[in-house]
Protein backbone atom coordinates (compact mmCIF):
# COMPACT_ATOMS: atom_id res chain seq x y z
CA UNK A 1 10.54 15.53 9.09
CA UNK A 2 9.75 15.83 5.26
CA UNK A 3 11.13 19.70 5.29
CA UNK A 4 14.79 18.03 5.82
CA UNK A 5 14.12 15.60 2.59
CA UNK A 6 14.52 16.79 -0.91
CA UNK A 7 12.01 16.43 -3.69
CA UNK A 8 13.32 13.19 -5.16
CA UNK A 9 13.33 11.70 -1.82
CA UNK A 10 10.03 12.43 -0.79
CA UNK A 11 8.82 11.07 -4.10
CA UNK A 12 10.78 8.04 -3.51
CA UNK A 13 9.18 7.60 -0.17
CA UNK A 14 5.98 7.92 -1.73
CA UNK A 15 6.58 5.39 -4.44
CA UNK A 16 7.63 2.92 -1.76
CA UNK A 17 4.31 3.45 0.02
CA UNK A 18 2.36 3.03 -3.33
CA UNK A 19 4.39 -0.07 -4.20
CA UNK A 20 3.64 -1.66 -0.79
CA UNK A 21 0.05 -1.01 -1.18
CA UNK A 22 -0.03 -2.87 -4.48
CA UNK A 23 1.88 -5.77 -3.16
CA UNK A 24 -0.43 -6.13 -0.32
CA UNK A 25 -3.42 -5.58 -2.36
CA UNK A 26 -2.15 -8.15 -4.92
CA UNK A 27 -1.30 -10.97 -2.05
CA UNK A 28 -4.31 -10.60 0.20
CA UNK A 29 -7.34 -8.84 -1.61
CA UNK A 30 -6.78 -10.92 -5.17
CA UNK A 31 -6.16 -13.89 -3.41
CA UNK A 32 -9.33 -13.76 -1.60
CA UNK A 33 -11.13 -13.87 -5.07
CA UNK A 34 -8.94 -16.38 -6.76
CA UNK A 35 -8.64 -18.96 -3.64
CA UNK A 36 -7.18 -21.89 -6.27
CA UNK A 37 -4.25 -19.70 -7.26
CA UNK A 38 -2.73 -18.63 -4.06
CA UNK A 39 -4.50 -20.91 -1.67
CA UNK A 40 -7.40 -20.01 0.59
CA UNK A 41 -7.42 -16.35 2.15
CA UNK A 42 -9.87 -16.00 5.07
CA UNK A 43 -11.92 -12.94 5.69
CA UNK A 44 -9.87 -11.43 8.29
CA UNK A 45 -6.92 -11.50 6.26
CA UNK A 46 -9.21 -10.01 3.51
CA UNK A 47 -10.30 -7.17 5.61
CA UNK A 48 -6.89 -6.56 7.26
CA UNK A 49 -5.21 -6.51 3.73
CA UNK A 50 -7.90 -4.19 2.42
CA UNK A 51 -7.49 -1.66 5.10
CA UNK A 52 -3.83 -1.66 5.25
CA UNK A 53 -3.54 -1.25 1.26
CA UNK A 54 -5.86 1.45 1.49
CA UNK A 55 -4.07 2.94 4.57
CA UNK A 56 -0.65 2.69 2.73
CA UNK A 57 -1.90 4.37 -0.38
CA UNK A 58 -3.44 6.94 1.13
CA UNK A 59 -0.04 7.73 3.30
CA UNK A 60 1.43 7.48 -0.10
CA UNK A 61 -0.65 10.43 -1.49
CA UNK A 62 -0.34 12.48 1.75
CA UNK A 63 3.60 12.06 1.95
CA UNK A 64 3.41 13.33 -1.99
CA UNK A 65 1.15 16.45 -1.31
CA UNK A 66 3.07 17.35 1.78
CA UNK A 67 6.24 17.26 0.03
CA UNK A 68 5.32 20.22 -2.55
């Protein structure tokens, strides 16, 4: 699939996944450590948010490397 995309498109997709990882990290993980600011975040939400954030970031790096 990546072979049909040009370099700018691959970089855009990679940046999109990185941005999703940042948003998820900010909402789930940071909210866990600052409970009064964004409400209470449960431990399962913290764990799932951390795992998904890491997975999206790793996907972003893989997409960017495969596109080179």
